[in-house]
Amino acid sequence: MSEFRPRRMILCGFAAVAVALLTAAGLSHDALGEGSATATAPGETAEQASSGGLDNNAGEDRQRAYVWSARRKDSTLMLRGFVPSEEDRRIVLGMVKAHFAELEVEDRLKVADGGPPREQWLGAVSFGLKQLSLLKQGSARLLNDGLKVEGEARSGEAYTELSKALVGSMPAGLVLLNENIRPPVADPFVFVAALTPDALTLTGSVPDEDTRKLIKEWSRRYFERPALDDQLQLASGAPKKWSDAIEVSLRALSRLDNGKVSLSGLAITIEGVARDKGTAIAVSYQLRRDLPDKFSSSESIRWKEADVSRTIGESILPRIKEVVHSDGGIPTGSLPAGD
């Protein structure tokens, strides 16, 4: 056994020398194993870089990302990351005030160089703040010359504007890294289709553009009307199988001469006038039978026969009264004979 001791001592010696060399170079086991360390400032984690907790240490030959971010939460706007100079900080704060005059600003920007060209960077910040102003809550983040935007839009119109801006032309040098924009939450999620002799009008919410296209296709398939008035707004929060319930509801409405079907969450109501009693009963039955599970319906459907009977009654009753009065106020039980 003693003949192996010199070898073990030699190996231990090599290990000690290796550890000493690594320590002298300032490299830890974690640093060697983390490729993301090249995207942060010296001595900082990736999370600190994204939140703005960075030193301006120089002298180490490691590439770092030039990060800037603005996050809107409740009544506060939080600024993190880098800014090229104090003058540029004042410019950025001026932009913030123009877009978010009502918010409290928490400024933790740090002056540092190494970013994109100044004018390009300021243009990117301005564009990012503009998109953030359309969010109810969320963030805009610059990583070198790339932009990330995420959050919930303030309204359906804001969501549409944001979506167009992020696929359209951007400031020079700016590229979209990714976006995760959600329509505003609608609670309850309401949809209304109103049918008149001249048009079908759609109001309320729709979860996405693909579903809007489906609804338009169903409307053209089931209704013969000269006009389709689409006033739907994008929103999130639709129940499961919502689009299935919409198709069933539109198909039921199409069997009426005029009327309205409304969806509020999982509750559906339909009202209007059918051409006859059989159709009115069939529409109610079909709606209840075909709706997805958990959806409920209530119906208030009249039919034309009832309207016609009322019209006839309103025209005949005055004639009967006239005959009664012309016979001295004593009913005779028969109408006067013709000449």
C-alpha atoms as a PDB file:
ATOM      1  CA  MET A   1       0.000   0.000   0.000  1.00  0.00           C
ATOM      2  CA  SER A   2       2.856   2.387   0.742  1.00  0.00           C
ATOM      3  CA  GLU A   3       3.962   2.439  -2.911  1.00  0.00           C
ATOM      4  CA  PHE A   4       0.754   4.344  -3.874  1.00  0.00           C
ATOM      5  CA  ARG A   5       1.235   7.132  -1.353  1.00  0.00           C
ATOM      6  CA  PRO A   6       3.678   9.190  -3.491  1.00  0.00           C
ATOM      7  CA  ARG A   7       1.229   9.131  -6.399  1.00  0.00           C
ATOM      8  CA  ARG A   8      -1.624  10.282  -4.173  1.00  0.00           C
ATOM      9  CA  MET A   9       0.494  13.105  -2.828  1.00  0.00           C
ATOM     10  CA  ILE A  10       1.439  14.176  -6.352  1.00  0.00           C
ATOM     11  CA  LEU A  11      -2.224  14.227  -7.448  1.00  0.00           C
ATOM     12  CA  CYS A  12      -3.246  16.227  -4.382  1.00  0.00           C
ATOM     13  CA  GLY A  13      -0.488  18.639  -5.168  1.00  0.00           C
ATOM     14  CA  PHE A  14      -1.731  19.163  -8.716  1.00  0.00           C
ATOM     15  CA  ALA A  15      -5.276  19.740  -7.417  1.00  0.00           C
ATOM     16  CA  ALA A  16      -4.056  22.326  -4.940  1.00  0.00           C
ATOM     17  CA  VAL A  17      -2.138  24.152  -7.651  1.00  0.00           C
ATOM     18  CA  ALA A  18      -5.228  24.162  -9.946  1.00  0.00           C
ATOM     19  CA  VAL A  19      -7.452  25.626  -7.208  1.00  0.00           C
ATOM     20  CA  ALA A  20      -4.853  28.289  -6.483  1.00  0.00           C
ATOM     21  CA  LEU A  21      -4.665  29.268 -10.157  1.00  0.00           C
ATOM     22  CA  LEU A  22      -8.455  29.506 -10.454  1.00  0.00           C
ATOM     23  CA  THR A  23      -8.647  31.584  -7.300  1.00  0.00           C
ATOM     24  CA  ALA A  24      -5.959  33.945  -8.577  1.00  0.00           C
ATOM     25  CA  ALA A  25      -7.886  34.376 -11.813  1.00  0.00           C
ATOM     26  CA  GLY A  26     -11.014  35.326  -9.821  1.00  0.00           C
ATOM     27  CA  LEU A  27     -13.109  32.461 -11.196  1.00  0.00           C
ATOM     28  CA  SER A  28     -15.472  30.446  -9.024  1.00  0.00           C
ATOM     29  CA  HIS A  29     -17.046  27.103  -9.763  1.00  0.00           C
ATOM     30  CA  ASP A  30     -20.356  28.894 -10.482  1.00  0.00           C
ATOM     31  CA  ALA A  31     -18.708  31.325 -12.885  1.00  0.00           C
ATOM     32  CA  LEU A  32     -17.196  28.485 -14.860  1.00  0.00           C
ATOM     33  CA  GLY A  33     -20.527  26.721 -15.104  1.00  0.00           C
ATOM     34  CA  GLU A  34     -22.759  29.721 -15.999  1.00  0.00           C
ATOM     35  CA  GLY A  35     -22.649  30.899 -19.593  1.00  0.00           C
ATOM     36  CA  SER A  36     -25.072  33.737 -18.748  1.00  0.00           C
ATOM     37  CA  ALA A  37     -22.381  35.505 -16.726  1.00  0.00           C
ATOM     38  CA  THR A  38     -21.123  37.129 -19.931  1.00  0.00           C
ATOM     39  CA  ALA A  39     -24.407  39.058 -20.238  1.00  0.00           C
ATOM     40  CA  THR A  40     -24.093  40.902 -16.906  1.00  0.00           C
ATOM     41  CA  ALA A  41     -21.851  43.432 -15.302  1.00  0.00           C
ATOM     42  CA  PRO A  42     -18.909  42.170 -13.157  1.00  0.00           C
ATOM     43  CA  GLY A  43     -20.002  40.816  -9.793  1.00  0.00           C
ATOM     44  CA  GLU A  44     -23.735  40.904 -10.619  1.00  0.00           C
ATOM     45  CA  THR A  45     -26.278  38.203 -11.399  1.00  0.00           C
ATOM     46  CA  ALA A  46     -28.521  38.196 -14.461  1.00  0.00           C
ATOM     47  CA  GLU A  47     -31.476  39.080 -12.220  1.00  0.00           C
ATOM     48  CA  GLN A  48     -29.623  42.103 -10.829  1.00  0.00           C
ATOM     49  CA  ALA A  49     -28.800  43.200 -14.347  1.00  0.00           C
ATOM     50  CA  SER A  50     -32.447  43.142 -15.371  1.00  0.00           C
ATOM     51  CA  SER A  51     -33.523  45.041 -12.248  1.00  0.00           C
ATOM     52  CA  GLY A  52     -30.847  47.695 -12.533  1.00  0.00           C
ATOM     53  CA  GLY A  53     -28.721  46.719  -9.513  1.00  0.00           C
ATOM     54  CA  LEU A  54     -25.427  47.013 -11.430  1.00  0.00           C
ATOM     55  CA  ASP A  55     -22.006  48.537 -10.698  1.00  0.00           C
ATOM     56  CA  ASN A  56     -20.145  50.512 -13.275  1.00  0.00           C
ATOM     57  CA  ASN A  57     -16.963  48.490 -12.651  1.00  0.00           C
ATOM     58  CA  ALA A  58     -14.543  48.626 -15.546  1.00  0.00           C
ATOM     59  CA  GLY A  59     -11.378  46.822 -16.457  1.00  0.00           C
ATOM     60  CA  GLU A  60     -12.697  43.281 -16.762  1.00  0.00           C
ATOM     61  CA  ASP A  61     -12.807  42.061 -20.302  1.00  0.00           C
ATOM     62  CA  ARG A  62     -16.306  40.601 -20.220  1.00  0.00           C
ATOM     63  CA  GLN A  63     -19.144  41.606 -22.524  1.00  0.00           C
ATOM     64  CA  ARG A  64     -22.271  42.874 -20.761  1.00  0.00           C
ATOM     65  CA  ALA A  65     -25.773  43.621 -21.998  1.00  0.00           C
ATOM     66  CA  TYR A  66     -26.957  47.233 -22.011  1.00  0.00           C
ATOM     67  CA  VAL A  67     -30.295  46.894 -20.266  1.00  0.00           C
ATOM     68  CA  TRP A  68     -33.050  49.452 -19.716  1.00  0.00           C
ATOM     69  CA  SER A  69     -36.552  48.732 -18.482  1.00  0.00           C
ATOM     70  CA  ALA A  70     -39.753  50.470 -17.421  1.00  0.00           C
ATOM     71  CA  ARG A  71     -42.419  48.570 -15.517  1.00  0.00           C
ATOM     72  CA  ARG A  72     -45.930  49.791 -14.759  1.00  0.00           C
ATOM     73  CA  LYS A  73     -47.583  48.348 -11.674  1.00  0.00           C
ATOM     74  CA  ASP A  74     -50.621  49.879  -9.981  1.00  0.00           C
ATOM     75  CA  SER A  75     -49.849  53.622  -9.593  1.00  0.00           C
ATOM     76  CA  THR A  76     -46.057  53.310  -9.914  1.00  0.00           C
ATOM     77  CA  LEU A  77     -43.642  53.332 -12.849  1.00  0.00           C
ATOM     78  CA  MET A  78     -40.300  51.682 -12.058  1.00  0.00           C
ATOM     79  CA  LEU A  79     -37.215  52.561 -14.135  1.00  0.00           C
ATOM     80  CA  ARG A  80     -34.239  50.192 -14.024  1.00  0.00           C
ATOM     81  CA  GLY A  81     -30.987  49.540 -15.879  1.00  0.00           C
ATOM     82  CA  PHE A  82     -28.618  51.918 -17.658  1.00  0.00           C
ATOM     83  CA  VAL A  83     -28.734  55.420 -19.121  1.00  0.00           C
ATOM     84  CA  PRO A  84     -25.865  56.943 -21.135  1.00  0.00           C
ATOM     85  CA  SER A  85     -25.607  60.225 -19.170  1.00  0.00           C
ATOM     86  CA  GLU A  86     -27.331  62.496 -16.672  1.00  0.00           C
ATOM     87  CA  GLU A  87     -28.600  64.601 -19.569  1.00  0.00           C
ATOM     88  CA  ASP A  88     -30.151  61.512 -21.128  1.00  0.00           C
ATOM     89  CA  ARG A  89     -31.709  60.639 -17.770  1.00  0.00           C
ATOM     90  CA  ARG A  90     -33.459  64.041 -17.793  1.00  0.00           C
ATOM     91  CA  ILE A  91     -34.654  63.411 -21.351  1.00  0.00           C
ATOM     92  CA  VAL A  92     -36.028  59.992 -20.381  1.00  0.00           C
ATOM     93  CA  LEU A  93     -37.783  61.426 -17.318  1.00  0.00           C
ATOM     94  CA  GLY A  94     -39.348  64.061 -19.579  1.00  0.00           C
ATOM     95  CA  MET A  95     -40.686  61.301 -21.834  1.00  0.00           C
ATOM     96  CA  VAL A  96     -42.020  59.481 -18.776  1.00  0.00           C
ATOM     97  CA  LYS A  97     -43.816  62.580 -17.542  1.00  0.00           C
ATOM     98  CA  ALA A  98     -45.415  63.095 -20.961  1.00  0.00           C
ATOM     99  CA  HIS A  99     -46.840  59.550 -21.023  1.00  0.00           C
ATOM    100  CA  PHE A 100     -47.408  58.877 -17.316  1.00  0.00           C
ATOM    101  CA  ALA A 101     -48.174  62.189 -15.632  1.00  0.00           C
ATOM    102  CA  GLU A 102     -50.498  60.483 -13.148  1.00  0.00           C
ATOM    103  CA  LEU A 103     -47.981  57.851 -11.963  1.00  0.00           C
ATOM    104  CA  GLU A 104     -45.337  57.949  -9.261  1.00  0.00           C
ATOM    105  CA  VAL A 105     -41.893  57.381 -10.799  1.00  0.00           C
ATOM    106  CA  GLU A 106     -39.278  55.219  -9.082  1.00  0.00           C
ATOM    107  CA  ASP A 107     -35.982  56.043 -10.839  1.00  0.00           C
ATOM    108  CA  ARG A 108     -33.079  53.639 -10.271  1.00  0.00           C
ATOM    109  CA  LEU A 109     -31.284  54.187 -13.561  1.00  0.00           C
ATOM    110  CA  LYS A 110     -27.475  54.094 -13.478  1.00  0.00           C
ATOM    111  CA  VAL A 111     -25.207  56.068 -15.783  1.00  0.00           C
ATOM    112  CA  ALA A 112     -23.060  53.761 -17.910  1.00  0.00           C
ATOM    113  CA  ASP A 113     -21.593  53.688 -21.368  1.00  0.00           C
ATOM    114  CA  GLY A 114     -21.391  50.793 -23.797  1.00  0.00           C
ATOM    115  CA  GLY A 115     -24.890  50.954 -25.222  1.00  0.00           C
ATOM    116  CA  PRO A 116     -26.194  51.524 -28.769  1.00  0.00           C
ATOM    117  CA  PRO A 117     -25.639  54.946 -30.395  1.00  0.00           C
ATOM    118  CA  ARG A 118     -27.248  57.660 -28.271  1.00  0.00           C
ATOM    119  CA  GLU A 119     -29.910  58.862 -30.720  1.00  0.00           C
ATOM    120  CA  GLN A 120     -30.828  55.295 -31.600  1.00  0.00           C
ATOM    121  CA  TRP A 121     -31.113  54.405 -27.911  1.00  0.00           C
ATOM    122  CA  LEU A 122     -33.311  57.422 -27.105  1.00  0.00           C
ATOM    123  CA  GLY A 123     -35.575  56.589 -30.047  1.00  0.00           C
ATOM    124  CA  ALA A 124     -35.928  53.031 -28.758  1.00  0.00           C
ATOM    125  CA  VAL A 125     -36.764  54.264 -25.237  1.00  0.00           C
ATOM    126  CA  SER A 126     -39.393  56.655 -26.609  1.00  0.00           C
ATOM    127  CA  PHE A 127     -40.983  53.842 -28.641  1.00  0.00           C
ATOM    128  CA  GLY A 128     -40.959  51.492 -25.642  1.00  0.00           C
ATOM    129  CA  LEU A 129     -42.609  54.067 -23.354  1.00  0.00           C
ATOM    130  CA  LYS A 130     -45.293  54.718 -25.965  1.00  0.00           C
ATOM    131  CA  GLN A 131     -46.200  51.025 -26.037  1.00  0.00           C
ATOM    132  CA  LEU A 132     -46.116  50.812 -22.247  1.00  0.00           C
ATOM    133  CA  SER A 133     -48.599  53.708 -22.034  1.00  0.00           C
ATOM    134  CA  LEU A 134     -51.147  51.453 -23.779  1.00  0.00           C
ATOM    135  CA  LEU A 135     -50.849  48.824 -21.048  1.00  0.00           C
ATOM    136  CA  LYS A 136     -52.889  48.692 -17.868  1.00  0.00           C
ATOM    137  CA  GLN A 137     -49.936  46.898 -16.295  1.00  0.00           C
ATOM    138  CA  GLY A 138     -46.756  45.435 -17.760  1.00  0.00           C
ATOM    139  CA  SER A 139     -43.255  46.324 -18.897  1.00  0.00           C
ATOM    140  CA  ALA A 140     -41.086  47.459 -21.794  1.00  0.00           C
ATOM    141  CA  ARG A 141     -37.453  46.303 -21.769  1.00  0.00           C
ATOM    142  CA  LEU A 142     -34.470  47.089 -23.973  1.00  0.00           C
ATOM    143  CA  LEU A 143     -31.614  44.591 -24.238  1.00  0.00           C
ATOM    144  CA  ASN A 144     -28.948  46.282 -26.354  1.00  0.00           C
ATOM    145  CA  ASP A 145     -30.922  46.988 -29.570  1.00  0.00           C
ATOM    146  CA  GLY A 146     -33.782  44.561 -28.860  1.00  0.00           C
ATOM    147  CA  LEU A 147     -37.214  45.295 -27.360  1.00  0.00           C
ATOM    148  CA  LYS A 148     -39.436  43.102 -25.181  1.00  0.00           C
ATOM    149  CA  VAL A 149     -42.988  44.165 -24.306  1.00  0.00           C
ATOM    150  CA  GLU A 150     -45.436  42.287 -22.102  1.00  0.00           C
ATOM    151  CA  GLY A 151     -48.570  42.989 -20.095  1.00  0.00           C
ATOM    152  CA  GLU A 152     -52.330  43.597 -20.225  1.00  0.00           C
ATOM    153  CA  ALA A 153     -53.722  46.223 -22.599  1.00  0.00           C
ATOM    154  CA  ARG A 154     -55.845  49.069 -21.212  1.00  0.00           C
ATOM    155  CA  SER A 155     -58.691  48.436 -23.670  1.00  0.00           C
ATOM    156  CA  GLY A 156     -59.603  46.596 -26.829  1.00  0.00           C
ATOM    157  CA  GLU A 157     -58.649  49.654 -28.887  1.00  0.00           C
ATOM    158  CA  ALA A 158     -55.287  49.874 -27.083  1.00  0.00           C
ATOM    159  CA  TYR A 159     -54.641  46.191 -27.774  1.00  0.00           C
ATOM    160  CA  THR A 160     -55.305  46.706 -31.484  1.00  0.00           C
ATOM    161  CA  GLU A 161     -53.019  49.747 -31.594  1.00  0.00           C
ATOM    162  CA  LEU A 162     -50.259  47.873 -29.780  1.00  0.00           C
ATOM    163  CA  SER A 163     -50.509  44.859 -32.051  1.00  0.00           C
ATOM    164  CA  LYS A 164     -50.204  47.029 -35.154  1.00  0.00           C
ATOM    165  CA  ALA A 165     -47.261  49.015 -33.733  1.00  0.00           C
ATOM    166  CA  LEU A 166     -45.257  45.904 -32.857  1.00  0.00           C
ATOM    167  CA  VAL A 167     -45.571  44.406 -36.340  1.00  0.00           C
ATOM    168  CA  GLY A 168     -45.098  47.719 -38.159  1.00  0.00           C
ATOM    169  CA  SER A 169     -42.024  49.833 -38.768  1.00  0.00           C
ATOM    170  CA  MET A 170     -39.855  50.568 -35.720  1.00  0.00           C
ATOM    171  CA  PRO A 171     -37.250  53.214 -34.946  1.00  0.00           C
ATOM    172  CA  ALA A 172     -33.939  52.768 -36.755  1.00  0.00           C
ATOM    173  CA  GLY A 173     -31.853  49.921 -35.360  1.00  0.00           C
ATOM    174  CA  LEU A 174     -34.562  48.563 -33.050  1.00  0.00           C
ATOM    175  CA  VAL A 175     -35.719  44.956 -33.350  1.00  0.00           C
ATOM    176  CA  LEU A 176     -38.556  43.186 -31.553  1.00  0.00           C
ATOM    177  CA  LEU A 177     -37.213  40.332 -29.443  1.00  0.00           C
ATOM    178  CA  ASN A 178     -40.615  39.172 -28.244  1.00  0.00           C
ATOM    179  CA  GLU A 179     -44.021  40.401 -27.101  1.00  0.00           C
ATOM    180  CA  ASN A 180     -46.618  38.961 -24.780  1.00  0.00           C
ATOM    181  CA  ILE A 181     -49.560  41.358 -24.903  1.00  0.00           C
ATOM    182  CA  ARG A 182     -52.929  40.254 -23.540  1.00  0.00           C
ATOM    183  CA  PRO A 183     -56.280  41.923 -24.270  1.00  0.00           C
ATOM    184  CA  PRO A 184     -58.013  43.474 -21.246  1.00  0.00           C
ATOM    185  CA  VAL A 185     -59.947  41.091 -19.014  1.00  0.00           C
ATOM    186  CA  ALA A 186     -63.750  41.272 -19.413  1.00  0.00           C
ATOM    187  CA  ASP A 187     -65.702  40.057 -16.388  1.00  0.00           C
ATOM    188  CA  PRO A 188     -68.349  39.054 -17.186  1.00  0.00           C
ATOM    189  CA  PHE A 189     -67.522  38.207 -20.793  1.00  0.00           C
ATOM    190  CA  VAL A 190     -70.474  39.663 -22.764  1.00  0.00           C
ATOM    191  CA  PHE A 191     -71.537  39.121 -26.382  1.00  0.00           C
ATOM    192  CA  VAL A 192     -74.733  40.426 -28.040  1.00  0.00           C
ATOM    193  CA  ALA A 193     -76.125  39.760 -31.523  1.00  0.00           C
ATOM    194  CA  ALA A 194     -79.152  41.902 -32.491  1.00  0.00           C
ATOM    195  CA  LEU A 195     -81.200  41.012 -35.585  1.00  0.00           C
ATOM    196  CA  THR A 196     -83.366  43.514 -37.494  1.00  0.00           C
ATOM    197  CA  PRO A 197     -84.877  43.302 -40.975  1.00  0.00           C
ATOM    198  CA  ASP A 198     -81.892  45.192 -42.348  1.00  0.00           C
ATOM    199  CA  ALA A 199     -78.839  44.148 -40.352  1.00  0.00           C
ATOM    200  CA  LEU A 200     -77.148  41.890 -37.838  1.00  0.00           C
ATOM    201  CA  THR A 201     -75.227  43.919 -35.230  1.00  0.00           C
ATOM    202  CA  LEU A 202     -72.536  42.325 -33.058  1.00  0.00           C
ATOM    203  CA  THR A 203     -71.404  44.053 -29.846  1.00  0.00           C
ATOM    204  CA  GLY A 204     -69.462  43.065 -26.734  1.00  0.00           C
ATOM    205  CA  SER A 205     -66.234  41.068 -26.543  1.00  0.00           C
ATOM    206  CA  VAL A 206     -64.352  38.556 -28.661  1.00  0.00           C
ATOM    207  CA  PRO A 207     -61.211  36.708 -27.454  1.00  0.00           C
ATOM    208  CA  ASP A 208     -59.034  37.021 -30.584  1.00  0.00           C
ATOM    209  CA  GLU A 209     -59.025  37.867 -34.270  1.00  0.00           C
ATOM    210  CA  ASP A 210     -59.298  34.234 -35.387  1.00  0.00           C
ATOM    211  CA  THR A 211     -62.543  33.866 -33.418  1.00  0.00           C
ATOM    212  CA  ARG A 212     -63.800  37.150 -34.896  1.00  0.00           C
ATOM    213  CA  LYS A 213     -63.280  35.683 -38.376  1.00  0.00           C
ATOM    214  CA  LEU A 214     -65.206  32.544 -37.380  1.00  0.00           C
ATOM    215  CA  ILE A 215     -68.118  34.611 -36.077  1.00  0.00           C
ATOM    216  CA  LYS A 216     -68.246  36.572 -39.320  1.00  0.00           C
ATOM    217  CA  GLU A 217     -68.284  33.323 -41.311  1.00  0.00           C
ATOM    218  CA  TRP A 218     -71.168  31.965 -39.199  1.00  0.00           C
ATOM    219  CA  SER A 219     -73.040  35.249 -39.579  1.00  0.00           C
ATOM    220  CA  ARG A 220     -72.815  35.115 -43.349  1.00  0.00           C
ATOM    221  CA  ARG A 221     -73.786  31.433 -43.372  1.00  0.00           C
ATOM    222  CA  TYR A 222     -76.866  31.703 -41.159  1.00  0.00           C
ATOM    223  CA  PHE A 223     -78.234  35.171 -41.947  1.00  0.00           C
ATOM    224  CA  GLU A 224     -79.473  36.721 -45.160  1.00  0.00           C
ATOM    225  CA  ARG A 225     -79.089  40.379 -44.303  1.00  0.00           C
ATOM    226  CA  PRO A 226     -77.636  43.208 -46.394  1.00  0.00           C
ATOM    227  CA  ALA A 227     -75.406  44.437 -43.551  1.00  0.00           C
ATOM    228  CA  LEU A 228     -73.187  42.942 -40.839  1.00  0.00           C
ATOM    229  CA  ASP A 229     -72.198  45.545 -38.245  1.00  0.00           C
ATOM    230  CA  ASP A 230     -69.191  44.245 -36.295  1.00  0.00           C
ATOM    231  CA  GLN A 231     -68.586  46.323 -33.145  1.00  0.00           C
ATOM    232  CA  LEU A 232     -66.807  43.590 -31.147  1.00  0.00           C
ATOM    233  CA  GLN A 233     -63.842  44.512 -28.943  1.00  0.00           C
ATOM    234  CA  LEU A 234     -60.937  42.197 -28.133  1.00  0.00           C
ATOM    235  CA  ALA A 235     -60.850  40.993 -24.528  1.00  0.00           C
ATOM    236  CA  SER A 236     -59.618  38.047 -22.479  1.00  0.00           C
ATOM    237  CA  GLY A 237     -61.635  36.016 -19.996  1.00  0.00           C
ATOM    238  CA  ALA A 238     -63.916  34.017 -22.310  1.00  0.00           C
ATOM    239  CA  PRO A 239     -65.288  30.786 -20.753  1.00  0.00           C
ATOM    240  CA  LYS A 240     -64.263  27.420 -22.153  1.00  0.00           C
ATOM    241  CA  LYS A 241     -66.183  26.383 -25.302  1.00  0.00           C
ATOM    242  CA  TRP A 242     -67.334  29.993 -25.685  1.00  0.00           C
ATOM    243  CA  SER A 243     -67.082  29.932 -29.482  1.00  0.00           C
ATOM    244  CA  ASP A 244     -69.206  26.746 -29.616  1.00  0.00           C
ATOM    245  CA  ALA A 245     -71.901  28.512 -27.581  1.00  0.00           C
ATOM    246  CA  ILE A 246     -71.738  31.500 -29.948  1.00  0.00           C
ATOM    247  CA  GLU A 247     -72.328  29.357 -33.028  1.00  0.00           C
ATOM    248  CA  VAL A 248     -75.301  27.589 -31.408  1.00  0.00           C
ATOM    249  CA  SER A 249     -76.766  30.952 -30.349  1.00  0.00           C
ATOM    250  CA  LEU A 250     -76.371  32.514 -33.788  1.00  0.00           C
ATOM    251  CA  ARG A 251     -77.982  29.493 -35.430  1.00  0.00           C
ATOM    252  CA  ALA A 252     -80.966  29.816 -33.080  1.00  0.00           C
ATOM    253  CA  LEU A 253     -81.275  33.554 -33.698  1.00  0.00           C
ATOM    254  CA  SER A 254     -81.207  33.027 -37.463  1.00  0.00           C
ATOM    255  CA  ARG A 255     -84.557  31.192 -37.244  1.00  0.00           C
ATOM    256  CA  LEU A 256     -86.289  34.297 -35.897  1.00  0.00           C
ATOM    257  CA  ASP A 257     -87.625  37.153 -38.014  1.00  0.00           C
ATOM    258  CA  ASN A 258     -86.102  39.615 -35.565  1.00  0.00           C
ATOM    259  CA  GLY A 259     -84.689  39.455 -32.066  1.00  0.00           C
ATOM    260  CA  LYS A 260     -81.581  39.383 -29.917  1.00  0.00           C
ATOM    261  CA  VAL A 261     -79.344  36.805 -28.285  1.00  0.00           C
ATOM    262  CA  SER A 262     -77.075  37.786 -25.373  1.00  0.00           C
ATOM    263  CA  LEU A 263     -74.298  35.875 -23.629  1.00  0.00           C
ATOM    264  CA  SER A 264     -73.020  37.005 -20.233  1.00  0.00           C
ATOM    265  CA  GLY A 265     -70.519  34.548 -18.865  1.00  0.00           C
ATOM    266  CA  LEU A 266     -72.279  31.164 -19.048  1.00  0.00           C
ATOM    267  CA  ALA A 267     -75.827  32.573 -19.184  1.00  0.00           C
ATOM    268  CA  ILE A 268     -77.630  33.003 -22.525  1.00  0.00           C
ATOM    269  CA  THR A 269     -80.899  34.796 -23.190  1.00  0.00           C
ATOM    270  CA  ILE A 270     -82.770  34.926 -26.491  1.00  0.00           C
ATOM    271  CA  GLU A 271     -85.822  37.016 -27.341  1.00  0.00           C
ATOM    272  CA  GLY A 272     -87.683  37.925 -30.510  1.00  0.00           C
ATOM    273  CA  VAL A 273     -90.445  36.978 -32.935  1.00  0.00           C
ATOM    274  CA  ALA A 274     -90.747  33.690 -34.863  1.00  0.00           C
ATOM    275  CA  ARG A 275     -92.980  33.127 -37.894  1.00  0.00           C
ATOM    276  CA  ASP A 276     -95.144  30.597 -36.008  1.00  0.00           C
ATOM    277  CA  LYS A 277     -95.534  28.765 -32.714  1.00  0.00           C
ATOM    278  CA  GLY A 278     -93.800  25.620 -33.946  1.00  0.00           C
ATOM    279  CA  THR A 279     -90.677  27.568 -34.879  1.00  0.00           C
ATOM    280  CA  ALA A 280     -90.626  29.345 -31.514  1.00  0.00           C
ATOM    281  CA  ILE A 281     -90.775  26.014 -29.667  1.00  0.00           C
ATOM    282  CA  ALA A 282     -88.148  24.458 -31.936  1.00  0.00           C
ATOM    283  CA  VAL A 283     -85.727  27.359 -31.396  1.00  0.00           C
ATOM    284  CA  SER A 284     -85.978  27.064 -27.618  1.00  0.00           C
ATOM    285  CA  TYR A 285     -85.498  23.285 -27.758  1.00  0.00           C
ATOM    286  CA  GLN A 286     -82.553  23.499 -30.149  1.00  0.00           C
ATOM    287  CA  LEU A 287     -80.778  26.114 -28.048  1.00  0.00           C
ATOM    288  CA  ARG A 288     -81.039  24.089 -24.847  1.00  0.00           C
ATOM    289  CA  ARG A 289     -80.086  20.847 -26.573  1.00  0.00           C
ATOM    290  CA  ASP A 290     -76.986  22.077 -28.419  1.00  0.00           C
ATOM    291  CA  LEU A 291     -75.339  24.412 -25.904  1.00  0.00           C
ATOM    292  CA  PRO A 292     -72.061  23.144 -24.392  1.00  0.00           C
ATOM    293  CA  ASP A 293     -72.044  21.854 -20.820  1.00  0.00           C
ATOM    294  CA  LYS A 294     -72.360  24.443 -18.038  1.00  0.00           C
ATOM    295  CA  PHE A 295     -74.066  26.996 -20.318  1.00  0.00           C
ATOM    296  CA  SER A 296     -77.705  27.805 -19.497  1.00  0.00           C
ATOM    297  CA  SER A 297     -80.409  29.556 -21.511  1.00  0.00           C
ATOM    298  CA  SER A 298     -83.655  31.444 -21.042  1.00  0.00           C
ATOM    299  CA  GLU A 299     -86.065  32.192 -23.888  1.00  0.00           C
ATOM    300  CA  SER A 300     -88.748  34.802 -24.526  1.00  0.00           C
ATOM    301  CA  ILE A 301     -89.953  34.132 -28.060  1.00  0.00           C
ATOM    302  CA  ARG A 302     -93.301  35.248 -29.503  1.00  0.00           C
ATOM    303  CA  TRP A 303     -94.756  34.226 -32.827  1.00  0.00           C
ATOM    304  CA  LYS A 304     -96.624  36.097 -35.524  1.00  0.00           C
ATOM    305  CA  GLU A 305     -99.929  34.242 -35.121  1.00  0.00           C
ATOM    306  CA  ALA A 306    -100.392  35.859 -31.724  1.00  0.00           C
ATOM    307  CA  ASP A 307     -99.702  39.272 -33.170  1.00  0.00           C
ATOM    308  CA  VAL A 308    -102.187  38.666 -36.004  1.00  0.00           C
ATOM    309  CA  SER A 309    -104.912  37.533 -33.564  1.00  0.00           C
ATOM    310  CA  ARG A 310    -104.427  40.654 -31.515  1.00  0.00           C
ATOM    311  CA  THR A 311    -104.630  42.827 -34.618  1.00  0.00           C
ATOM    312  CA  ILE A 312    -107.881  41.162 -35.733  1.00  0.00           C
ATOM    313  CA  GLY A 313    -109.374  41.520 -32.268  1.00  0.00           C
ATOM    314  CA  GLU A 314    -108.500  45.182 -32.155  1.00  0.00           C
ATOM    315  CA  SER A 315    -110.297  45.766 -35.490  1.00  0.00           C
ATOM    316  CA  ILE A 316    -113.411  43.602 -34.846  1.00  0.00           C
ATOM    317  CA  LEU A 317    -114.264  44.580 -31.271  1.00  0.00           C
ATOM    318  CA  PRO A 318    -115.196  48.172 -32.179  1.00  0.00           C
ATOM    319  CA  ARG A 319    -117.545  46.800 -34.915  1.00  0.00           C
ATOM    320  CA  ILE A 320    -119.267  44.497 -32.399  1.00  0.00           C
ATOM    321  CA  LYS A 321    -119.755  47.388 -29.992  1.00  0.00           C
ATOM    322  CA  GLU A 322    -121.156  49.478 -32.821  1.00  0.00           C
ATOM    323  CA  VAL A 323    -123.714  46.792 -33.707  1.00  0.00           C
ATOM    324  CA  VAL A 324    -124.739  46.383 -30.058  1.00  0.00           C
ATOM    325  CA  HIS A 325    -125.296  50.101 -29.586  1.00  0.00           C
ATOM    326  CA  SER A 326    -127.181  50.468 -32.892  1.00  0.00           C
ATOM    327  CA  ASP A 327    -129.732  47.877 -31.692  1.00  0.00           C
ATOM    328  CA  GLY A 328    -130.783  49.890 -28.687  1.00  0.00           C
ATOM    329  CA  GLY A 329    -128.070  48.586 -26.437  1.00  0.00           C
ATOM    330  CA  ILE A 330    -129.595  45.065 -26.363  1.00  0.00           C
ATOM    331  CA  PRO A 331    -127.396  42.348 -27.876  1.00  0.00           C
ATOM    332  CA  THR A 332    -129.223  40.385 -30.566  1.00  0.00           C
ATOM    333  CA  GLY A 333    -126.692  37.527 -30.864  1.00  0.00           C
ATOM    334  CA  SER A 334    -126.223  38.094 -34.606  1.00  0.00           C
ATOM    335  CA  LEU A 335    -124.817  40.639 -36.942  1.00  0.00           C
ATOM    336  CA  PRO A 336    -127.286  42.610 -39.122  1.00  0.00           C
ATOM    337  CA  ALA A 337    -128.135  40.879 -42.390  1.00  0.00           C
ATOM    338  CA  GLY A 338    -126.978  42.393 -45.567  1.00  0.00           C
ATOM    339  CA  ASP A 339    -129.344  43.992 -48.088  1.00  0.00           C
END
